[in-house]
Structures are given as structure tokens and as C-alpha cells.
PDB file of N, CA and C in Angstrom:
ATOM      1  N   MET A   1     -19.296 -10.681  40.284  1.00  0.00           N
ATOM      2  CA  MET A   1     -18.918  -9.511  39.486  1.00  0.00           C
ATOM      3  C   MET A   1     -18.999  -9.861  37.996  1.00  0.00           C
ATOM      4  N   ALA A   2     -19.931  -9.265  37.316  1.00  0.00           N
ATOM      5  CA  ALA A   2     -20.160  -9.593  35.910  1.00  0.00           C
ATOM      6  C   ALA A   2     -19.303  -8.696  35.006  1.00  0.00           C
ATOM      7  N   HIS A   3     -18.733  -9.316  34.002  1.00  0.00           N
ATOM      8  CA  HIS A   3     -17.926  -8.569  33.031  1.00  0.00           C
ATOM      9  C   HIS A   3     -18.674  -8.545  31.710  1.00  0.00           C
ATOM     10  N   HIS A   4     -19.005  -7.343  31.266  1.00  0.00           N
ATOM     11  CA  HIS A   4     -19.725  -7.202  30.004  1.00  0.00           C
ATOM     12  C   HIS A   4     -18.751  -6.772  28.923  1.00  0.00           C
ATOM     13  N   HIS A   5     -18.720  -7.543  27.869  1.00  0.00           N
ATOM     14  CA  HIS A   5     -17.805  -7.229  26.758  1.00  0.00           C
ATOM     15  C   HIS A   5     -18.609  -6.751  25.565  1.00  0.00           C
ATOM     16  N   HIS A   6     -18.789  -5.463  25.492  1.00  0.00           N
ATOM     17  CA  HIS A   6     -19.498  -4.878  24.360  1.00  0.00           C
ATOM     18  C   HIS A   6     -18.500  -4.119  23.499  1.00  0.00           C
ATOM     19  N   HIS A   7     -18.281  -4.613  22.307  1.00  0.00           N
ATOM     20  CA  HIS A   7     -17.316  -3.968  21.407  1.00  0.00           C
ATOM     21  C   HIS A   7     -18.066  -3.276  20.282  1.00  0.00           C
ATOM     22  N   HIS A   8     -18.874  -2.302  20.660  1.00  0.00           N
ATOM     23  CA  HIS A   8     -19.657  -1.579  19.654  1.00  0.00           C
ATOM     24  C   HIS A   8     -19.230  -0.116  19.568  1.00  0.00           C
ATOM     25  N   HIS A   9     -18.045   0.190  20.077  1.00  0.00           N
ATOM     26  CA  HIS A   9     -17.644   1.591  20.111  1.00  0.00           C
ATOM     27  C   HIS A   9     -17.102   2.100  18.784  1.00  0.00           C
ATOM     28  N   HIS A  10     -16.844   1.222  17.822  1.00  0.00           N
ATOM     29  CA  HIS A  10     -16.429   1.710  16.509  1.00  0.00           C
ATOM     30  C   HIS A  10     -17.331   1.131  15.436  1.00  0.00           C
ATOM     31  N   ALA A  11     -17.702   1.985  14.496  1.00  0.00           N
ATOM     32  CA  ALA A  11     -18.604   1.562  13.427  1.00  0.00           C
ATOM     33  C   ALA A  11     -17.846   0.706  12.416  1.00  0.00           C
ATOM     34  N   PRO A  12     -18.488  -0.298  11.879  1.00  0.00           N
ATOM     35  CA  PRO A  12     -17.821  -1.113  10.849  1.00  0.00           C
ATOM     36  C   PRO A  12     -17.578  -0.273   9.597  1.00  0.00           C
ATOM     37  N   ARG A  13     -16.400  -0.408   9.033  1.00  0.00           N
ATOM     38  CA  ARG A  13     -16.065   0.358   7.833  1.00  0.00           C
ATOM     39  C   ARG A  13     -15.332  -0.531   6.844  1.00  0.00           C
ATOM     40  N   ALA A  14     -15.467  -0.193   5.581  1.00  0.00           N
ATOM     41  CA  ALA A  14     -14.779  -0.954   4.545  1.00  0.00           C
ATOM     42  C   ALA A  14     -13.299  -0.598   4.569  1.00  0.00           C
ATOM     43  N   LEU A  15     -12.460  -1.601   4.453  1.00  0.00           N
ATOM     44  CA  LEU A  15     -11.019  -1.348   4.475  1.00  0.00           C
ATOM     45  C   LEU A  15     -10.574  -0.588   3.230  1.00  0.00           C
ATOM     46  N   ALA A  16     -11.252  -0.826   2.112  1.00  0.00           N
ATOM     47  CA  ALA A  16     -10.861  -0.161   0.876  1.00  0.00           C
ATOM     48  C   ALA A  16     -11.194   1.327   0.906  1.00  0.00           C
ATOM     49  N   ALA A  17     -12.082   1.738   1.805  1.00  0.00           N
ATOM     50  CA  ALA A  17     -12.471   3.144   1.854  1.00  0.00           C
ATOM     51  C   ALA A  17     -11.377   4.004   2.473  1.00  0.00           C
ATOM     52  N   ALA A  18     -10.500   3.400   3.262  1.00  0.00           N
ATOM     53  CA  ALA A  18      -9.433   4.159   3.912  1.00  0.00           C
ATOM     54  C   ALA A  18      -8.102   3.446   3.727  1.00  0.00           C
ATOM     55  N   PRO A  19      -7.555   3.492   2.528  1.00  0.00           N
ATOM     56  CA  PRO A  19      -6.281   2.796   2.295  1.00  0.00           C
ATOM     57  C   PRO A  19      -5.135   3.489   3.010  1.00  0.00           C
ATOM     58  N   THR A  20      -4.197   2.697   3.508  1.00  0.00           N
ATOM     59  CA  THR A  20      -3.050   3.284   4.185  1.00  0.00           C
ATOM     60  C   THR A  20      -2.040   3.802   3.155  1.00  0.00           C
ATOM     61  N   PHE A  21      -2.026   3.194   1.967  1.00  0.00           N
ATOM     62  CA  PHE A  21      -1.116   3.644   0.914  1.00  0.00           C
ATOM     63  C   PHE A  21      -1.905   3.785  -0.379  1.00  0.00           C
ATOM     64  N   SER A  22      -1.956   4.969  -0.919  1.00  0.00           N
ATOM     65  CA  SER A  22      -2.711   5.197  -2.144  1.00  0.00           C
ATOM     66  C   SER A  22      -1.834   5.897  -3.175  1.00  0.00           C
ATOM     67  N   LEU A  23      -1.814   5.364  -4.374  1.00  0.00           N
ATOM     68  CA  LEU A  23      -1.044   5.990  -5.445  1.00  0.00           C
ATOM     69  C   LEU A  23      -1.647   7.338  -5.840  1.00  0.00           C
ATOM     70  N   LEU A  24      -2.945   7.509  -5.557  1.00  0.00           N
ATOM     71  CA  LEU A  24      -3.597   8.763  -5.927  1.00  0.00           C
ATOM     72  C   LEU A  24      -3.128   9.928  -5.062  1.00  0.00           C
ATOM     73  N   ARG A  25      -2.575   9.623  -3.881  1.00  0.00           N
ATOM     74  CA  ARG A  25      -2.108  10.700  -3.010  1.00  0.00           C
ATOM     75  C   ARG A  25      -0.726  11.215  -3.407  1.00  0.00           C
ATOM     76  N   LEU A  26      -0.014  10.435  -4.235  1.00  0.00           N
ATOM     77  CA  LEU A  26       1.334  10.834  -4.620  1.00  0.00           C
ATOM     78  C   LEU A  26       1.286  11.902  -5.708  1.00  0.00           C
ATOM     79  N   SER A  27       2.305  12.733  -5.713  1.00  0.00           N
ATOM     80  CA  SER A  27       2.384  13.736  -6.772  1.00  0.00           C
ATOM     81  C   SER A  27       2.873  13.067  -8.059  1.00  0.00           C
ATOM     82  N   ALA A  28       2.810  13.800  -9.133  1.00  0.00           N
ATOM     83  CA  ALA A  28       3.236  13.255 -10.422  1.00  0.00           C
ATOM     84  C   ALA A  28       4.711  12.872 -10.385  1.00  0.00           C
ATOM     85  N   TRP A  29       5.542  13.706  -9.753  1.00  0.00           N
ATOM     86  CA  TRP A  29       6.978  13.412  -9.682  1.00  0.00           C
ATOM     87  C   TRP A  29       7.250  12.178  -8.844  1.00  0.00           C
ATOM     88  N   GLU A  30       6.487  12.005  -7.757  1.00  0.00           N
ATOM     89  CA  GLU A  30       6.670  10.819  -6.916  1.00  0.00           C
ATOM     90  C   GLU A  30       6.255   9.555  -7.662  1.00  0.00           C
ATOM     91  N   ARG A  31       5.169   9.658  -8.449  1.00  0.00           N
ATOM     92  CA  ARG A  31       4.745   8.505  -9.241  1.00  0.00           C
ATOM     93  C   ARG A  31       5.778   8.187 -10.320  1.00  0.00           C
ATOM     94  N   LEU A  32       6.335   9.227 -10.922  1.00  0.00           N
ATOM     95  CA  LEU A  32       7.347   9.028 -11.961  1.00  0.00           C
ATOM     96  C   LEU A  32       8.601   8.389 -11.369  1.00  0.00           C
ATOM     97  N   ALA A  33       9.016   8.868 -10.209  1.00  0.00           N
ATOM     98  CA  ALA A  33      10.186   8.290  -9.545  1.00  0.00           C
ATOM     99  C   ALA A  33       9.917   6.834  -9.166  1.00  0.00           C
ATOM    100  N   GLY A  34       8.719   6.555  -8.675  1.00  0.00           N
ATOM    101  CA  GLY A  34       8.377   5.181  -8.309  1.00  0.00           C
ATOM    102  C   GLY A  34       8.375   4.267  -9.518  1.00  0.00           C
ATOM    103  N   ALA A  35       7.873   4.769 -10.640  1.00  0.00           N
ATOM    104  CA  ALA A  35       7.868   3.966 -11.862  1.00  0.00           C
ATOM    105  C   ALA A  35       9.303   3.701 -12.325  1.00  0.00           C
ATOM    106  N   GLY A  36      10.173   4.708 -12.180  1.00  0.00           N
ATOM    107  CA  GLY A  36      11.572   4.531 -12.564  1.00  0.00           C
ATOM    108  C   GLY A  36      12.265   3.490 -11.696  1.00  0.00           C
ATOM    109  N   VAL A  37      12.005   3.546 -10.397  1.00  0.00           N
ATOM    110  CA  VAL A  37      12.600   2.564  -9.485  1.00  0.00           C
ATOM    111  C   VAL A  37      12.081   1.164  -9.808  1.00  0.00           C
ATOM    112  N   LEU A  38      10.797   1.066 -10.077  1.00  0.00           N
ATOM    113  CA  LEU A  38      10.207  -0.228 -10.405  1.00  0.00           C
ATOM    114  C   LEU A  38      10.796  -0.787 -11.698  1.00  0.00           C
ATOM    115  N   LEU A  39      10.931   0.051 -12.708  1.00  0.00           N
ATOM    116  CA  LEU A  39      11.513  -0.404 -13.971  1.00  0.00           C
ATOM    117  C   LEU A  39      12.978  -0.805 -13.787  1.00  0.00           C
ATOM    118  N   GLY A  40      13.698  -0.033 -12.989  1.00  0.00           N
ATOM    119  CA  GLY A  40      15.094  -0.378 -12.722  1.00  0.00           C
ATOM    120  C   GLY A  40      15.212  -1.722 -12.019  1.00  0.00           C
ATOM    121  N   ALA A  41      14.323  -1.977 -11.072  1.00  0.00           N
ATOM    122  CA  ALA A  41      14.349  -3.256 -10.360  1.00  0.00           C
ATOM    123  C   ALA A  41      14.006  -4.407 -11.308  1.00  0.00           C
ATOM    124  N   LEU A  42      13.060  -4.181 -12.205  1.00  0.00           N
ATOM    125  CA  LEU A  42      12.705  -5.238 -13.158  1.00  0.00           C
ATOM    126  C   LEU A  42      13.861  -5.536 -14.108  1.00  0.00           C
ATOM    127  N   TRP A  43      14.554  -4.506 -14.592  1.00  0.00           N
ATOM    128  CA  TRP A  43      15.701  -4.719 -15.455  1.00  0.00           C
ATOM    129  C   TRP A  43      16.825  -5.430 -14.714  1.00  0.00           C
ATOM    130  N   LEU A  44      16.994  -5.079 -13.453  1.00  0.00           N
ATOM    131  CA  LEU A  44      18.009  -5.756 -12.636  1.00  0.00           C
ATOM    132  C   LEU A  44      17.700  -7.247 -12.535  1.00  0.00           C
ATOM    133  N   LEU A  45      16.439  -7.573 -12.327  1.00  0.00           N
ATOM    134  CA  LEU A  45      16.040  -8.982 -12.276  1.00  0.00           C
ATOM    135  C   LEU A  45      16.292  -9.677 -13.599  1.00  0.00           C
ATOM    136  N   VAL A  46      16.012  -8.987 -14.705  1.00  0.00           N
ATOM    137  CA  VAL A  46      16.241  -9.570 -16.037  1.00  0.00           C
ATOM    138  C   VAL A  46      17.713  -9.889 -16.209  1.00  0.00           C
ATOM    139  N   PHE A  47      18.578  -8.949 -15.858  1.00  0.00           N
ATOM    140  CA  PHE A  47      20.013  -9.174 -16.024  1.00  0.00           C
ATOM    141  C   PHE A  47      20.536 -10.247 -15.075  1.00  0.00           C
ATOM    142  N   LEU A  48      19.964 -10.325 -13.879  1.00  0.00           N
ATOM    143  CA  LEU A  48      20.386 -11.359 -12.933  1.00  0.00           C
ATOM    144  C   LEU A  48      19.985 -12.749 -13.441  1.00  0.00           C
ATOM    145  N   VAL A  49      18.828 -12.856 -14.059  1.00  0.00           N
ATOM    146  CA  VAL A  49      18.381 -14.150 -14.588  1.00  0.00           C
ATOM    147  C   VAL A  49      19.228 -14.551 -15.786  1.00  0.00           C
ATOM    148  N   MET A  50      19.581 -13.560 -16.640  1.00  0.00           N
ATOM    149  CA  MET A  50      20.365 -13.870 -17.838  1.00  0.00           C
ATOM    150  C   MET A  50      21.823 -14.166 -17.518  1.00  0.00           C
ATOM    151  N   ALA A  51      22.315 -13.653 -16.425  1.00  0.00           N
ATOM    152  CA  ALA A  51      23.734 -13.831 -16.087  1.00  0.00           C
ATOM    153  C   ALA A  51      24.015 -15.263 -15.631  1.00  0.00           C
TER     154      ALA A  51
END
């Protein structure tokens, strides 16, 4: 009984062509909120290092 392993059922595609998370898909408010959270986290790190 021969077992044939042909894995040609999906076409090769670039991973960058279909990102799972893209900043371009976010709305302006979501990007603004994300930037605020990021800045807050960076300031928190600054204060933790200085303390």
C-alpha cells in the first residue's frame, strides 16, 4: 500500500501580503488610543528606572 504525500493544495504566498495585524486597518481613534497607551507605558518605564 503506497502512501503519496503531495502537499500542493495551497499556493505559496508571501507572509507580508496577508498580515494578521495591520496598523492600516485601525481607525484614527484606535491609532490615537494605541499611541497614548504606548507613550504611557514608556513614561512608566522611565519613572520605574529613575525610582
